[in-house]
C-alpha atoms as a PDB file:
ATOM      1  CA  MET A   1       6.955 -17.449 -10.504  1.00  0.00           C
ATOM      2  CA  ASP A   2       5.233 -17.040  -7.173  1.00  0.00           C
ATOM      3  CA  LYS A   3       1.875 -15.357  -7.052  1.00  0.00           C
ATOM      4  CA  LEU A   4       2.087 -11.616  -6.415  1.00  0.00           C
ATOM      5  CA  HIS A   5       1.266 -10.513  -2.886  1.00  0.00           C
ATOM      6  CA  ALA A   6       0.287  -7.115  -1.496  1.00  0.00           C
ATOM      7  CA  LEU A   7       0.383  -5.718   2.018  1.00  0.00           C
ATOM      8  CA  VAL A   8      -2.548  -3.390   2.757  1.00  0.00           C
ATOM      9  CA  VAL A   9      -2.249  -1.255   5.896  1.00  0.00           C
ATOM     10  CA  GLU A  10      -5.655   0.332   6.352  1.00  0.00           C
ATOM     11  CA  ASP A  11      -7.723   0.886   9.497  1.00  0.00           C
ATOM     12  CA  ASN A  12     -11.067   0.969   7.661  1.00  0.00           C
ATOM     13  CA  ALA A  13     -12.233  -2.583   6.945  1.00  0.00           C
ATOM     14  CA  GLN A  14     -14.519  -1.532   4.099  1.00  0.00           C
ATOM     15  CA  ASN A  15     -11.705   0.310   2.301  1.00  0.00           C
ATOM     16  CA  ALA A  16      -9.326  -2.607   2.863  1.00  0.00           C
ATOM     17  CA  ASN A  17     -11.879  -5.064   1.495  1.00  0.00           C
ATOM     18  CA  VAL A  18     -12.540  -2.943  -1.602  1.00  0.00           C
ATOM     19  CA  LEU A  19      -8.813  -2.774  -2.317  1.00  0.00           C
ATOM     20  CA  GLY A  20      -8.430  -6.486  -1.552  1.00  0.00           C
ATOM     21  CA  ASN A  21     -11.198  -7.322  -4.042  1.00  0.00           C
ATOM     22  CA  LEU A  22      -9.629  -5.139  -6.733  1.00  0.00           C
ATOM     23  CA  LEU A  23      -6.298  -6.896  -6.189  1.00  0.00           C
ATOM     24  CA  ALA A  24      -7.934 -10.351  -6.210  1.00  0.00           C
ATOM     25  CA  LYS A  25      -9.536  -9.601  -9.599  1.00  0.00           C
ATOM     26  CA  ARG A  26      -5.994  -9.215 -10.892  1.00  0.00           C
ATOM     27  CA  GLY A  27      -4.772 -12.432  -9.289  1.00  0.00           C
ATOM     28  CA  ILE A  28      -2.926 -10.718  -6.434  1.00  0.00           C
ATOM     29  CA  THR A  29      -3.308 -12.009  -2.894  1.00  0.00           C
ATOM     30  CA  CYS A  30      -3.070  -9.647   0.031  1.00  0.00           C
ATOM     31  CA  THR A  31      -2.483  -9.428   3.739  1.00  0.00           C
ATOM     32  CA  LYS A  32      -4.480  -6.735   5.517  1.00  0.00           C
ATOM     33  CA  VAL A  33      -3.297  -4.939   8.625  1.00  0.00           C
ATOM     34  CA  PHE A  34      -6.049  -2.947  10.317  1.00  0.00           C
ATOM     35  CA  ASN A  35      -3.936  -1.702  13.216  1.00  0.00           C
ATOM     36  CA  PRO A  36      -0.383  -0.543  12.497  1.00  0.00           C
ATOM     37  CA  ARG A  37       0.633  -1.561  16.008  1.00  0.00           C
ATOM     38  CA  HIS A  38       0.241  -5.176  14.849  1.00  0.00           C
ATOM     39  CA  MET A  39       2.700  -4.784  11.981  1.00  0.00           C
ATOM     40  CA  GLU A  40       5.559  -6.654  13.615  1.00  0.00           C
ATOM     41  CA  SER A  41       3.590  -9.848  14.219  1.00  0.00           C
ATOM     42  CA  THR A  42       2.063  -9.671  10.742  1.00  0.00           C
ATOM     43  CA  LEU A  43       5.433  -9.214   9.067  1.00  0.00           C
ATOM     44  CA  GLU A  44       6.834 -12.281  10.847  1.00  0.00           C
ATOM     45  CA  GLY A  45       4.407 -14.470   8.904  1.00  0.00           C
ATOM     46  CA  LEU A  46       5.017 -12.993   5.441  1.00  0.00           C
ATOM     47  CA  ASP A  47       7.317 -14.727   2.981  1.00  0.00           C
ATOM     48  CA  HIS A  48       7.331 -11.928   0.444  1.00  0.00           C
ATOM     49  CA  VAL A  49       5.500  -8.753  -0.514  1.00  0.00           C
ATOM     50  CA  ASP A  50       5.448  -7.244  -3.997  1.00  0.00           C
ATOM     51  CA  ILE A  51       3.606  -3.991  -3.264  1.00  0.00           C
ATOM     52  CA  VAL A  52       2.467  -2.096  -0.155  1.00  0.00           C
ATOM     53  CA  PHE A  53      -0.574   0.183   0.148  1.00  0.00           C
ATOM     54  CA  LEU A  54      -0.455   2.504   3.159  1.00  0.00           C
ATOM     55  CA  ASP A  55      -3.329   4.598   4.411  1.00  0.00           C
ATOM     56  CA  LEU A  56      -1.815   7.843   5.665  1.00  0.00           C
ATOM     57  CA  GLU A  57      -4.167   8.530   8.567  1.00  0.00           C
ATOM     58  CA  MET A  58      -4.737   5.767  11.095  1.00  0.00           C
ATOM     59  CA  PRO A  59      -5.104   5.705  14.866  1.00  0.00           C
ATOM     60  CA  GLY A  60      -1.877   4.882  16.647  1.00  0.00           C
ATOM     61  CA  ALA A  61       0.474   5.393  13.701  1.00  0.00           C
ATOM     62  CA  SER A  62       0.369   7.226  10.404  1.00  0.00           C
ATOM     63  CA  GLY A  63       1.255   5.784   7.029  1.00  0.00           C
ATOM     64  CA  TYR A  64       4.417   7.857   7.294  1.00  0.00           C
ATOM     65  CA  ASP A  65       5.335   6.008  10.504  1.00  0.00           C
ATOM     66  CA  VAL A  66       4.684   2.653   8.843  1.00  0.00           C
ATOM     67  CA  LEU A  67       6.758   3.693   5.818  1.00  0.00           C
ATOM     68  CA  ASP A  68       9.653   4.475   8.137  1.00  0.00           C
ATOM     69  CA  THR A  69       9.294   1.082   9.854  1.00  0.00           C
ATOM     70  CA  LEU A  70       9.222  -0.813   6.555  1.00  0.00           C
ATOM     71  CA  ARG A  71      12.273   1.047   5.271  1.00  0.00           C
ATOM     72  CA  HIS A  72      14.253  -0.570   8.096  1.00  0.00           C
ATOM     73  CA  ASP A  73      13.263  -4.059   6.939  1.00  0.00           C
ATOM     74  CA  ALA A  74      15.478  -5.369   4.122  1.00  0.00           C
ATOM     75  CA  ARG A  75      12.592  -7.410   2.690  1.00  0.00           C
ATOM     76  CA  PHE A  76      11.044  -4.119   1.535  1.00  0.00           C
ATOM     77  CA  ASP A  77      14.136  -2.594  -0.100  1.00  0.00           C
ATOM     78  CA  ASN A  78      12.723  -2.848  -3.636  1.00  0.00           C
ATOM     79  CA  VAL A  79       9.013  -2.961  -2.875  1.00  0.00           C
ATOM     80  CA  PRO A  80       6.902  -0.033  -4.116  1.00  0.00           C
ATOM     81  CA  MET A  81       5.205   1.793  -1.237  1.00  0.00           C
ATOM     82  CA  VAL A  82       1.951   3.400  -2.316  1.00  0.00           C
ATOM     83  CA  ALA A  83       0.312   6.163  -0.284  1.00  0.00           C
ATOM     84  CA  TYR A  84      -3.393   5.393  -0.417  1.00  0.00           C
ATOM     85  CA  THR A  85      -5.562   8.122   1.103  1.00  0.00           C
ATOM     86  CA  VAL A  86      -8.545  10.455   0.883  1.00  0.00           C
ATOM     87  CA  HIS A  87      -6.248  13.316   1.886  1.00  0.00           C
ATOM     88  CA  ILE A  88      -5.112  14.412  -1.560  1.00  0.00           C
ATOM     89  CA  SER A  89      -3.555  17.494   0.056  1.00  0.00           C
ATOM     90  CA  GLU A  90      -0.856  15.083   1.324  1.00  0.00           C
ATOM     91  CA  ILE A  91       0.453  14.327  -2.165  1.00  0.00           C
ATOM     92  CA  ASN A  92       3.468  16.662  -1.918  1.00  0.00           C
ATOM     93  CA  THR A  93       4.405  15.443   1.563  1.00  0.00           C
ATOM     94  CA  ALA A  94       4.106  11.823   0.420  1.00  0.00           C
ATOM     95  CA  TYR A  95       6.426  12.599  -2.475  1.00  0.00           C
ATOM     96  CA  ARG A  96       8.973  14.355  -0.263  1.00  0.00           C
ATOM     97  CA  VAL A  97       9.187  11.522   2.276  1.00  0.00           C
ATOM     98  CA  GLY A  98       9.791   8.957  -0.453  1.00  0.00           C
ATOM     99  CA  PHE A  99       6.606   7.114  -1.301  1.00  0.00           C
ATOM    100  CA  HIS A 100       6.879   5.360  -4.650  1.00  0.00           C
ATOM    101  CA  SER A 101       3.346   6.268  -5.742  1.00  0.00           C
ATOM    102  CA  PHE A 102       0.162   7.967  -4.593  1.00  0.00           C
ATOM    103  CA  LEU A 103      -3.432   6.869  -5.232  1.00  0.00           C
ATOM    104  CA  ALA A 104      -6.410   8.822  -3.969  1.00  0.00           C
ATOM    105  CA  LYS A 105      -9.393   7.132  -2.369  1.00  0.00           C
ATOM    106  CA  PRO A 106     -11.815   6.103  -3.474  1.00  0.00           C
ATOM    107  CA  ILE A 107      -9.936   3.945  -5.935  1.00  0.00           C
ATOM    108  CA  ASP A 108     -11.404   4.134  -9.422  1.00  0.00           C
ATOM    109  CA  PRO A 109     -11.924   0.479 -10.389  1.00  0.00           C
ATOM    110  CA  ASP A 110     -11.792   1.376 -14.093  1.00  0.00           C
ATOM    111  CA  ARG A 111      -8.322   2.930 -13.727  1.00  0.00           C
ATOM    112  CA  PHE A 112      -6.905   0.694 -11.017  1.00  0.00           C
ATOM    113  CA  GLY A 113      -5.720  -2.147 -13.271  1.00  0.00           C
ATOM    114  CA  ASP A 114      -3.616   0.212 -15.362  1.00  0.00           C
ATOM    115  CA  GLN A 115      -2.295   2.058 -12.292  1.00  0.00           C
ATOM    116  CA  LEU A 116      -1.336  -1.206 -10.609  1.00  0.00           C
ATOM    117  CA  ALA A 117       0.385  -2.583 -13.722  1.00  0.00           C
ATOM    118  CA  ARG A 118       2.410   0.612 -14.086  1.00  0.00           C
ATOM    119  CA  ILE A 119       3.474   0.549 -10.428  1.00  0.00           C
ATOM    120  CA  LEU A 120       4.497  -3.100 -10.635  1.00  0.00           C
ATOM    121  CA  ARG A 121       6.603  -2.292 -13.723  1.00  0.00           C
ATOM    122  CA  GLY A 122       8.458   0.277 -11.615  1.00  0.00           C
ATOM    123  CA  GLU A 123       6.718   3.367 -12.961  1.00  0.00           C
ATOM    124  CA  ARG A 124       5.796   5.953 -10.361  1.00  0.00           C
ATOM    125  CA  VAL A 125       2.098   6.780 -10.369  1.00  0.00           C
ATOM    126  CA  TRP A 126       0.920  10.026  -8.739  1.00  0.00           C
ATOM    127  CA  GLU A 127      -2.817  10.364  -9.290  1.00  0.00           C
ATOM    128  CA  ARG A 128      -5.566  12.119  -7.381  1.00  0.00           C
END
């Protein structure tokens, strides 16, 4: 089986690196997109993605905008889209628009492994 790969759309480099390190500890590679306006060129170079983490508030496009874009790409039909944000007040909106899961920042490294495993098994995880 191919190695698992994540797409991280996050404008804050420190947050993206923390998440990337947590994924790497679990053997998951990742592609980071710091500016959602560069999504198209980034997606052209991706063979596959197993999970997507979307920050909800970014300059130029929200995580909701990116979710809508990815929904129109058949490669993401069965890929869990995880809202990943400090704005826990957005949890109900994220649910309504169809995110698979919701994880609040900062990510708790002690809980992340279990959360990630559950998401990858198809379980929806909604945790603040």
